[in-house]
């Protein structure tokens, strides 16, 4: 759970690639799902519940495209694809494994990833796998946060789980994680007052208003727990928002099984 950080100033977001499908410009992450959706509709194999889910995903994706373009002065969405698939969290966060994990992209318009061991960005790919529900929750919460606070810096995301979950202790980089084993945990760095894309070194550097808004949004998204630093001053429902040691530069969100 503990995370380190190193300086990386908030830079202008790079332009994004798109891939054209017919008359629509779609990001690579949407090309395959779009083709599969069209085939399913043509063959009549799309069940009502699948149709509803696909429609919801289409609306979310369209909103994400527009949001990313607006934040990037008309630039295109990030090219890194997300391989969406059904996931399963097995066992406990501190004694479990991950089946069908989904890898979080290295960055997006609303977030960057941070490697807490090497103190650099992006985080290594094998450190950012979670259940499909965890990855979608992160994208939704941080996207809505950026919509509400367009002048805020991007939010840093640290470790999730390893590709198949399991032990994430000190042998993967000290001090390691006691949990983060079944794809339901993610470390999210508090936004800084100086807007730097790195975790704050001390509580005085935390933009407390923005950090509290993040906590509130994860609670509203159905988090089981949101662990925060004891000296950061963040609040929420007592059974969910819990101050613990070694979380002065990031919050730790855990979804319900």
C-alpha atoms as a PDB file:
ATOM      1  CA  UNK A   1       0.000   0.000   0.000  1.00  0.00           C
ATOM      2  CA  UNK A   2       2.758   2.570   0.737  1.00  0.00           C
ATOM      3  CA  UNK A   3       3.877   4.456  -2.327  1.00  0.00           C
ATOM      4  CA  UNK A   4       6.830   6.711  -3.144  1.00  0.00           C
ATOM      5  CA  UNK A   5       7.088   9.455  -5.755  1.00  0.00           C
ATOM      6  CA  UNK A   6       9.547  11.570  -7.780  1.00  0.00           C
ATOM      7  CA  UNK A   7       9.125  14.894  -9.529  1.00  0.00           C
ATOM      8  CA  UNK A   8       7.330  14.970 -12.874  1.00  0.00           C
ATOM      9  CA  UNK A   9       5.759  18.340 -13.722  1.00  0.00           C
ATOM     10  CA  UNK A  10       2.301  18.498 -15.165  1.00  0.00           C
ATOM     11  CA  UNK A  11       2.945  18.614 -18.895  1.00  0.00           C
ATOM     12  CA  UNK A  12       0.680  19.204 -21.850  1.00  0.00           C
ATOM     13  CA  UNK A  13      -1.063  15.967 -22.722  1.00  0.00           C
ATOM     14  CA  UNK A  14       0.249  14.271 -25.891  1.00  0.00           C
ATOM     15  CA  UNK A  15      -1.920  14.043 -28.973  1.00  0.00           C
ATOM     16  CA  UNK A  16      -3.761  10.769 -29.305  1.00  0.00           C
ATOM     17  CA  UNK A  17      -4.089   8.300 -32.198  1.00  0.00           C
ATOM     18  CA  UNK A  18      -7.371   7.126 -33.663  1.00  0.00           C
ATOM     19  CA  UNK A  19      -8.321   4.346 -35.990  1.00  0.00           C
ATOM     20  CA  UNK A  20     -11.068   5.003 -38.563  1.00  0.00           C
ATOM     21  CA  UNK A  21     -14.020   2.629 -38.819  1.00  0.00           C
ATOM     22  CA  UNK A  22     -16.269   3.656 -41.684  1.00  0.00           C
ATOM     23  CA  UNK A  23     -17.135   7.324 -41.301  1.00  0.00           C
ATOM     24  CA  UNK A  24     -16.466   7.359 -37.557  1.00  0.00           C
ATOM     25  CA  UNK A  25     -13.088   7.974 -35.961  1.00  0.00           C
ATOM     26  CA  UNK A  26     -12.818   5.533 -33.090  1.00  0.00           C
ATOM     27  CA  UNK A  27      -9.946   4.866 -30.671  1.00  0.00           C
ATOM     28  CA  UNK A  28      -8.301   1.485 -31.047  1.00  0.00           C
ATOM     29  CA  UNK A  29      -9.876   0.303 -27.801  1.00  0.00           C
ATOM     30  CA  UNK A  30     -13.312   0.667 -29.448  1.00  0.00           C
ATOM     31  CA  UNK A  31     -12.616  -0.905 -32.868  1.00  0.00           C
ATOM     32  CA  UNK A  32     -12.884  -4.579 -31.875  1.00  0.00           C
ATOM     33  CA  UNK A  33     -15.858  -4.092 -29.501  1.00  0.00           C
ATOM     34  CA  UNK A  34     -17.638  -2.104 -32.232  1.00  0.00           C
ATOM     35  CA  UNK A  35     -17.114  -4.876 -34.801  1.00  0.00           C
ATOM     36  CA  UNK A  36     -18.292  -7.545 -32.347  1.00  0.00           C
ATOM     37  CA  UNK A  37     -21.346  -5.479 -31.468  1.00  0.00           C
ATOM     38  CA  UNK A  38     -22.303  -5.052 -35.136  1.00  0.00           C
ATOM     39  CA  UNK A  39     -21.908  -8.787 -35.762  1.00  0.00           C
ATOM     40  CA  UNK A  40     -24.033  -9.613 -32.742  1.00  0.00           C
ATOM     41  CA  UNK A  41     -26.774  -7.265 -33.877  1.00  0.00           C
ATOM     42  CA  UNK A  42     -26.697  -8.653 -37.418  1.00  0.00           C
ATOM     43  CA  UNK A  43     -27.030 -12.263 -36.253  1.00  0.00           C
ATOM     44  CA  UNK A  44     -29.621 -11.543 -33.589  1.00  0.00           C
ATOM     45  CA  UNK A  45     -27.461 -13.145 -30.901  1.00  0.00           C
ATOM     46  CA  UNK A  46     -27.315 -10.133 -28.647  1.00  0.00           C
ATOM     47  CA  UNK A  47     -29.443 -10.825 -25.586  1.00  0.00           C
ATOM     48  CA  UNK A  48     -31.526  -8.013 -24.088  1.00  0.00           C
ATOM     49  CA  UNK A  49     -29.200  -7.662 -21.092  1.00  0.00           C
ATOM     50  CA  UNK A  50     -26.171  -7.666 -23.404  1.00  0.00           C
ATOM     51  CA  UNK A  51     -27.806  -5.028 -25.567  1.00  0.00           C
ATOM     52  CA  UNK A  52     -28.388  -2.814 -22.551  1.00  0.00           C
ATOM     53  CA  UNK A  53     -24.812  -3.269 -21.365  1.00  0.00           C
ATOM     54  CA  UNK A  54     -23.437  -2.542 -24.834  1.00  0.00           C
ATOM     55  CA  UNK A  55     -25.544   0.602 -25.109  1.00  0.00           C
ATOM     56  CA  UNK A  56     -24.298   1.791 -21.715  1.00  0.00           C
ATOM     57  CA  UNK A  57     -20.709   1.127 -22.756  1.00  0.00           C
ATOM     58  CA  UNK A  58     -21.246   3.011 -26.023  1.00  0.00           C
ATOM     59  CA  UNK A  59     -22.570   6.066 -24.195  1.00  0.00           C
ATOM     60  CA  UNK A  60     -19.692   5.959 -21.701  1.00  0.00           C
ATOM     61  CA  UNK A  61     -17.115   5.561 -24.484  1.00  0.00           C
ATOM     62  CA  UNK A  62     -18.560   8.420 -26.509  1.00  0.00           C
ATOM     63  CA  UNK A  63     -18.490  10.670 -23.472  1.00  0.00           C
ATOM     64  CA  UNK A  64     -14.874   9.654 -22.748  1.00  0.00           C
ATOM     65  CA  UNK A  65     -13.831  10.493 -26.316  1.00  0.00           C
ATOM     66  CA  UNK A  66     -15.372  13.963 -26.154  1.00  0.00           C
ATOM     67  CA  UNK A  67     -13.959  14.619 -22.703  1.00  0.00           C
ATOM     68  CA  UNK A  68     -10.435  13.604 -23.699  1.00  0.00           C
ATOM     69  CA  UNK A  69     -10.562  15.682 -26.872  1.00  0.00           C
ATOM     70  CA  UNK A  70     -11.776  18.719 -24.954  1.00  0.00           C
ATOM     71  CA  UNK A  71      -9.055  18.331 -22.335  1.00  0.00           C
ATOM     72  CA  UNK A  72      -6.427  17.913 -25.033  1.00  0.00           C
ATOM     73  CA  UNK A  73      -7.484  20.895 -27.157  1.00  0.00           C
ATOM     74  CA  UNK A  74      -9.004  18.668 -29.795  1.00  0.00           C
ATOM     75  CA  UNK A  75      -6.396  15.896 -29.575  1.00  0.00           C
ATOM     76  CA  UNK A  76      -7.431  12.291 -30.021  1.00  0.00           C
ATOM     77  CA  UNK A  77      -7.870   9.705 -27.239  1.00  0.00           C
ATOM     78  CA  UNK A  78      -4.997   7.608 -25.898  1.00  0.00           C
ATOM     79  CA  UNK A  79      -4.071   4.770 -28.258  1.00  0.00           C
ATOM     80  CA  UNK A  80      -3.358   2.105 -25.614  1.00  0.00           C
ATOM     81  CA  UNK A  81      -6.134  -0.492 -25.893  1.00  0.00           C
ATOM     82  CA  UNK A  82      -8.012  -1.934 -22.958  1.00  0.00           C
ATOM     83  CA  UNK A  83      -8.666  -5.638 -23.316  1.00  0.00           C
ATOM     84  CA  UNK A  84     -12.039  -5.809 -21.606  1.00  0.00           C
ATOM     85  CA  UNK A  85     -13.090  -9.244 -20.404  1.00  0.00           C
ATOM     86  CA  UNK A  86     -15.067 -10.711 -17.501  1.00  0.00           C
ATOM     87  CA  UNK A  87     -12.933 -10.838 -14.375  1.00  0.00           C
ATOM     88  CA  UNK A  88     -13.168 -12.698 -11.101  1.00  0.00           C
ATOM     89  CA  UNK A  89     -11.673 -11.776  -7.733  1.00  0.00           C
ATOM     90  CA  UNK A  90     -10.838 -15.005  -5.905  1.00  0.00           C
ATOM     91  CA  UNK A  91     -10.290 -15.188  -2.163  1.00  0.00           C
ATOM     92  CA  UNK A  92      -9.431 -12.202  -0.006  1.00  0.00           C
ATOM     93  CA  UNK A  93      -7.540  -8.993  -0.877  1.00  0.00           C
ATOM     94  CA  UNK A  94      -4.731 -10.221   1.400  1.00  0.00           C
ATOM     95  CA  UNK A  95      -4.895 -13.915   0.371  1.00  0.00           C
ATOM     96  CA  UNK A  96      -6.296 -14.269  -3.116  1.00  0.00           C
ATOM     97  CA  UNK A  97      -5.777 -14.250  -6.850  1.00  0.00           C
ATOM     98  CA  UNK A  98      -7.148 -12.589  -9.972  1.00  0.00           C
ATOM     99  CA  UNK A  99      -8.794 -14.387 -12.889  1.00  0.00           C
ATOM    100  CA  UNK A 100      -9.269 -12.567 -16.206  1.00  0.00           C
ATOM    101  CA  UNK A 101      -7.568  -9.383 -15.061  1.00  0.00           C
ATOM    102  CA  UNK A 102      -7.815  -6.172 -17.088  1.00  0.00           C
ATOM    103  CA  UNK A 103      -4.795  -3.899 -17.442  1.00  0.00           C
ATOM    104  CA  UNK A 104      -5.227  -0.210 -16.746  1.00  0.00           C
ATOM    105  CA  UNK A 105      -3.667   1.969 -19.509  1.00  0.00           C
ATOM    106  CA  UNK A 106      -0.440   3.807 -18.723  1.00  0.00           C
ATOM    107  CA  UNK A 107      -2.251   7.149 -18.841  1.00  0.00           C
ATOM    108  CA  UNK A 108      -5.413   8.917 -19.887  1.00  0.00           C
ATOM    109  CA  UNK A 109      -6.740  12.440 -20.093  1.00  0.00           C
ATOM    110  CA  UNK A 110      -7.775  12.306 -16.430  1.00  0.00           C
ATOM    111  CA  UNK A 111      -4.945  10.225 -14.933  1.00  0.00           C
ATOM    112  CA  UNK A 112      -1.340   9.116 -15.098  1.00  0.00           C
ATOM    113  CA  UNK A 113       0.207   6.015 -13.527  1.00  0.00           C
ATOM    114  CA  UNK A 114       3.116   6.085 -11.121  1.00  0.00           C
ATOM    115  CA  UNK A 115       5.649   3.381 -10.293  1.00  0.00           C
ATOM    116  CA  UNK A 116       6.165   3.660  -6.513  1.00  0.00           C
ATOM    117  CA  UNK A 117       9.339   1.571  -6.550  1.00  0.00           C
ATOM    118  CA  UNK A 118      11.196   3.255  -9.411  1.00  0.00           C
ATOM    119  CA  UNK A 119       9.655   6.651  -8.635  1.00  0.00           C
ATOM    120  CA  UNK A 120       8.762   7.295 -12.231  1.00  0.00           C
ATOM    121  CA  UNK A 121       5.876   7.337 -14.661  1.00  0.00           C
ATOM    122  CA  UNK A 122       4.308   5.268 -16.085  1.00  0.00           C
ATOM    123  CA  UNK A 123       3.906   2.381 -13.701  1.00  0.00           C
ATOM    124  CA  UNK A 124       5.122  -0.936 -15.082  1.00  0.00           C
ATOM    125  CA  UNK A 125       2.335  -2.856 -16.885  1.00  0.00           C
ATOM    126  CA  UNK A 126       2.432  -5.888 -14.577  1.00  0.00           C
ATOM    127  CA  UNK A 127       1.646  -3.673 -11.583  1.00  0.00           C
ATOM    128  CA  UNK A 128      -1.640  -2.290 -12.941  1.00  0.00           C
ATOM    129  CA  UNK A 129      -4.089  -5.179 -13.364  1.00  0.00           C
ATOM    130  CA  UNK A 130      -7.483  -5.361 -11.723  1.00  0.00           C
ATOM    131  CA  UNK A 131     -10.943  -6.731 -12.218  1.00  0.00           C
ATOM    132  CA  UNK A 132     -12.907  -5.220 -15.074  1.00  0.00           C
ATOM    133  CA  UNK A 133     -15.119  -3.570 -12.444  1.00  0.00           C
ATOM    134  CA  UNK A 134     -12.153  -1.943 -10.666  1.00  0.00           C
ATOM    135  CA  UNK A 135     -10.685  -0.547 -13.897  1.00  0.00           C
ATOM    136  CA  UNK A 136     -14.084   0.742 -15.027  1.00  0.00           C
ATOM    137  CA  UNK A 137     -14.684   2.338 -11.609  1.00  0.00           C
ATOM    138  CA  UNK A 138     -11.335   4.145 -11.742  1.00  0.00           C
ATOM    139  CA  UNK A 139     -12.033   5.459 -15.245  1.00  0.00           C
ATOM    140  CA  UNK A 140     -15.549   6.562 -14.327  1.00  0.00           C
ATOM    141  CA  UNK A 141     -14.643   8.269 -11.042  1.00  0.00           C
ATOM    142  CA  UNK A 142     -11.578  10.069 -12.370  1.00  0.00           C
ATOM    143  CA  UNK A 143     -13.351  11.026 -15.594  1.00  0.00           C
ATOM    144  CA  UNK A 144     -16.258  12.558 -13.682  1.00  0.00           C
ATOM    145  CA  UNK A 145     -13.790  14.240 -11.314  1.00  0.00           C
ATOM    146  CA  UNK A 146     -11.993  15.841 -14.272  1.00  0.00           C
ATOM    147  CA  UNK A 147     -15.298  16.924 -15.791  1.00  0.00           C
ATOM    148  CA  UNK A 148     -16.160  18.689 -12.541  1.00  0.00           C
ATOM    149  CA  UNK A 149     -12.654  20.153 -12.074  1.00  0.00           C
ATOM    150  CA  UNK A 150     -11.271  20.821 -15.581  1.00  0.00           C
ATOM    151  CA  UNK A 151      -8.418  22.936 -14.203  1.00  0.00           C
ATOM    152  CA  UNK A 152      -7.263  20.287 -11.740  1.00  0.00           C
ATOM    153  CA  UNK A 153      -4.129  18.235 -12.465  1.00  0.00           C
ATOM    154  CA  UNK A 154      -4.440  14.663 -13.634  1.00  0.00           C
ATOM    155  CA  UNK A 155      -4.760  12.175 -10.793  1.00  0.00           C
ATOM    156  CA  UNK A 156      -2.020   9.615 -10.174  1.00  0.00           C
ATOM    157  CA  UNK A 157      -2.808   5.916  -9.940  1.00  0.00           C
ATOM    158  CA  UNK A 158      -0.271   3.626  -8.321  1.00  0.00           C
ATOM    159  CA  UNK A 159      -0.404  -0.139  -7.895  1.00  0.00           C
ATOM    160  CA  UNK A 160      -3.450  -2.315  -8.526  1.00  0.00           C
ATOM    161  CA  UNK A 161      -2.600  -6.038  -8.625  1.00  0.00           C
ATOM    162  CA  UNK A 162      -0.277  -8.330 -10.558  1.00  0.00           C
ATOM    163  CA  UNK A 163      -1.681  -9.956 -13.745  1.00  0.00           C
ATOM    164  CA  UNK A 164      -2.885 -13.057 -11.895  1.00  0.00           C
ATOM    165  CA  UNK A 165      -3.000 -11.456  -8.483  1.00  0.00           C
ATOM    166  CA  UNK A 166      -1.397 -13.216  -5.548  1.00  0.00           C
ATOM    167  CA  UNK A 167       1.434 -12.038  -3.343  1.00  0.00           C
ATOM    168  CA  UNK A 168       2.493  -8.424  -3.879  1.00  0.00           C
ATOM    169  CA  UNK A 169       4.908  -8.238  -0.982  1.00  0.00           C
ATOM    170  CA  UNK A 170       8.429  -6.826  -0.535  1.00  0.00           C
ATOM    171  CA  UNK A 171      10.025  -9.142  -3.103  1.00  0.00           C
ATOM    172  CA  UNK A 172       8.212  -7.085  -5.748  1.00  0.00           C
ATOM    173  CA  UNK A 173       9.632  -3.873  -4.322  1.00  0.00           C
ATOM    174  CA  UNK A 174       9.888  -2.812  -0.692  1.00  0.00           C
ATOM    175  CA  UNK A 175       7.863  -2.217   1.372  1.00  0.00           C
ATOM    176  CA  UNK A 176       5.330  -4.079  -0.769  1.00  0.00           C
ATOM    177  CA  UNK A 177       1.612  -4.583  -0.193  1.00  0.00           C
ATOM    178  CA  UNK A 178      -0.143  -6.738   2.374  1.00  0.00           C
ATOM    179  CA  UNK A 179      -3.233  -6.747   0.163  1.00  0.00           C
ATOM    180  CA  UNK A 180      -3.696  -5.921  -3.575  1.00  0.00           C
ATOM    181  CA  UNK A 181      -3.959  -9.655  -4.277  1.00  0.00           C
ATOM    182  CA  UNK A 182      -7.321 -10.198  -6.005  1.00  0.00           C
ATOM    183  CA  UNK A 183      -7.827  -7.184  -8.255  1.00  0.00           C
ATOM    184  CA  UNK A 184     -10.094  -5.135  -6.004  1.00  0.00           C
ATOM    185  CA  UNK A 185      -7.501  -2.666  -4.621  1.00  0.00           C
ATOM    186  CA  UNK A 186      -5.966   0.460  -6.133  1.00  0.00           C
ATOM    187  CA  UNK A 187      -3.744   3.243  -4.802  1.00  0.00           C
ATOM    188  CA  UNK A 188      -4.739   6.737  -5.907  1.00  0.00           C
ATOM    189  CA  UNK A 189      -2.496   9.742  -5.172  1.00  0.00           C
ATOM    190  CA  UNK A 190      -3.927  12.876  -3.622  1.00  0.00           C
ATOM    191  CA  UNK A 191      -3.859  15.911  -5.935  1.00  0.00           C
ATOM    192  CA  UNK A 192      -1.233  18.476  -4.993  1.00  0.00           C
ATOM    193  CA  UNK A 193      -1.700  22.186  -4.449  1.00  0.00           C
ATOM    194  CA  UNK A 194       1.222  22.893  -6.809  1.00  0.00           C
ATOM    195  CA  UNK A 195      -0.331  20.637  -9.514  1.00  0.00           C
ATOM    196  CA  UNK A 196       2.762  18.438  -9.878  1.00  0.00           C
ATOM    197  CA  UNK A 197       2.116  14.928 -11.168  1.00  0.00           C
ATOM    198  CA  UNK A 198       3.540  13.090  -8.205  1.00  0.00           C
ATOM    199  CA  UNK A 199       2.410  12.055  -4.763  1.00  0.00           C
ATOM    200  CA  UNK A 200       2.634  14.731  -2.074  1.00  0.00           C
ATOM    201  CA  UNK A 201       5.632  14.482   0.216  1.00  0.00           C
ATOM    202  CA  UNK A 202       3.704  15.772   3.238  1.00  0.00           C
ATOM    203  CA  UNK A 203       0.080  16.543   4.130  1.00  0.00           C
ATOM    204  CA  UNK A 204       0.599  20.304   3.699  1.00  0.00           C
ATOM    205  CA  UNK A 205       1.063  19.727  -0.047  1.00  0.00           C
ATOM    206  CA  UNK A 206      -2.337  18.026  -0.461  1.00  0.00           C
ATOM    207  CA  UNK A 207      -5.159  19.953  -2.088  1.00  0.00           C
ATOM    208  CA  UNK A 208      -7.570  18.922   0.630  1.00  0.00           C
ATOM    209  CA  UNK A 209     -10.726  20.112  -1.122  1.00  0.00           C
ATOM    210  CA  UNK A 210      -9.958  18.095  -4.260  1.00  0.00           C
ATOM    211  CA  UNK A 211      -8.778  15.106  -2.228  1.00  0.00           C
ATOM    212  CA  UNK A 212     -11.994  15.115  -0.210  1.00  0.00           C
ATOM    213  CA  UNK A 213     -13.996  15.236  -3.435  1.00  0.00           C
ATOM    214  CA  UNK A 214     -12.131  12.154  -4.652  1.00  0.00           C
ATOM    215  CA  UNK A 215     -12.921  10.317  -1.423  1.00  0.00           C
ATOM    216  CA  UNK A 216     -16.598  11.271  -1.686  1.00  0.00           C
ATOM    217  CA  UNK A 217     -16.761  10.051  -5.281  1.00  0.00           C
ATOM    218  CA  UNK A 218     -15.256   6.654  -4.486  1.00  0.00           C
ATOM    219  CA  UNK A 219     -17.682   6.267  -1.598  1.00  0.00           C
ATOM    220  CA  UNK A 220     -20.575   7.130  -3.921  1.00  0.00           C
ATOM    221  CA  UNK A 221     -19.233   4.610  -6.472  1.00  0.00           C
ATOM    222  CA  UNK A 222     -19.714   1.824  -3.928  1.00  0.00           C
ATOM    223  CA  UNK A 223     -16.237   1.338  -2.452  1.00  0.00           C
ATOM    224  CA  UNK A 224     -16.094  -1.081   0.444  1.00  0.00           C
ATOM    225  CA  UNK A 225     -13.205   0.831   2.005  1.00  0.00           C
ATOM    226  CA  UNK A 226     -11.276   4.015   1.320  1.00  0.00           C
ATOM    227  CA  UNK A 227      -8.135   4.045   3.454  1.00  0.00           C
ATOM    228  CA  UNK A 228      -6.644   7.513   3.991  1.00  0.00           C
ATOM    229  CA  UNK A 229      -3.764   9.046   5.932  1.00  0.00           C
ATOM    230  CA  UNK A 230      -4.267   9.926   9.570  1.00  0.00           C
ATOM    231  CA  UNK A 231      -2.826  13.416   9.155  1.00  0.00           C
ATOM    232  CA  UNK A 232      -4.489  14.388   5.873  1.00  0.00           C
ATOM    233  CA  UNK A 233      -7.828  15.326   7.444  1.00  0.00           C
ATOM    234  CA  UNK A 234     -10.138  13.487   5.051  1.00  0.00           C
ATOM    235  CA  UNK A 235     -13.541  12.315   6.239  1.00  0.00           C
ATOM    236  CA  UNK A 236     -16.422  10.073   5.254  1.00  0.00           C
ATOM    237  CA  UNK A 237     -18.674   7.295   6.552  1.00  0.00           C
ATOM    238  CA  UNK A 238     -16.756   5.651   9.403  1.00  0.00           C
ATOM    239  CA  UNK A 239     -17.228   2.107   8.183  1.00  0.00           C
ATOM    240  CA  UNK A 240     -15.859   3.026   4.748  1.00  0.00           C
ATOM    241  CA  UNK A 241     -13.365   5.894   5.108  1.00  0.00           C
ATOM    242  CA  UNK A 242     -10.730   4.710   7.558  1.00  0.00           C
ATOM    243  CA  UNK A 243      -7.546   6.587   8.540  1.00  0.00           C
ATOM    244  CA  UNK A 244      -4.539   4.246   8.758  1.00  0.00           C
ATOM    245  CA  UNK A 245      -0.743   4.683   8.826  1.00  0.00           C
ATOM    246  CA  UNK A 246       1.435   5.113   5.727  1.00  0.00           C
ATOM    247  CA  UNK A 247      -1.245   6.727   3.587  1.00  0.00           C
ATOM    248  CA  UNK A 248      -0.223  10.370   3.798  1.00  0.00           C
ATOM    249  CA  UNK A 249       0.385  10.655   0.041  1.00  0.00           C
ATOM    250  CA  UNK A 250      -2.332   8.391  -1.374  1.00  0.00           C
ATOM    251  CA  UNK A 251      -5.709   6.876  -0.687  1.00  0.00           C
ATOM    252  CA  UNK A 252      -6.334   3.156  -1.070  1.00  0.00           C
ATOM    253  CA  UNK A 253      -9.691   2.237  -2.542  1.00  0.00           C
ATOM    254  CA  UNK A 254     -11.079  -1.288  -2.230  1.00  0.00           C
ATOM    255  CA  UNK A 255     -14.206  -2.454  -4.012  1.00  0.00           C
ATOM    256  CA  UNK A 256     -16.691  -4.910  -2.582  1.00  0.00           C
ATOM    257  CA  UNK A 257     -16.310  -8.530  -3.711  1.00  0.00           C
END
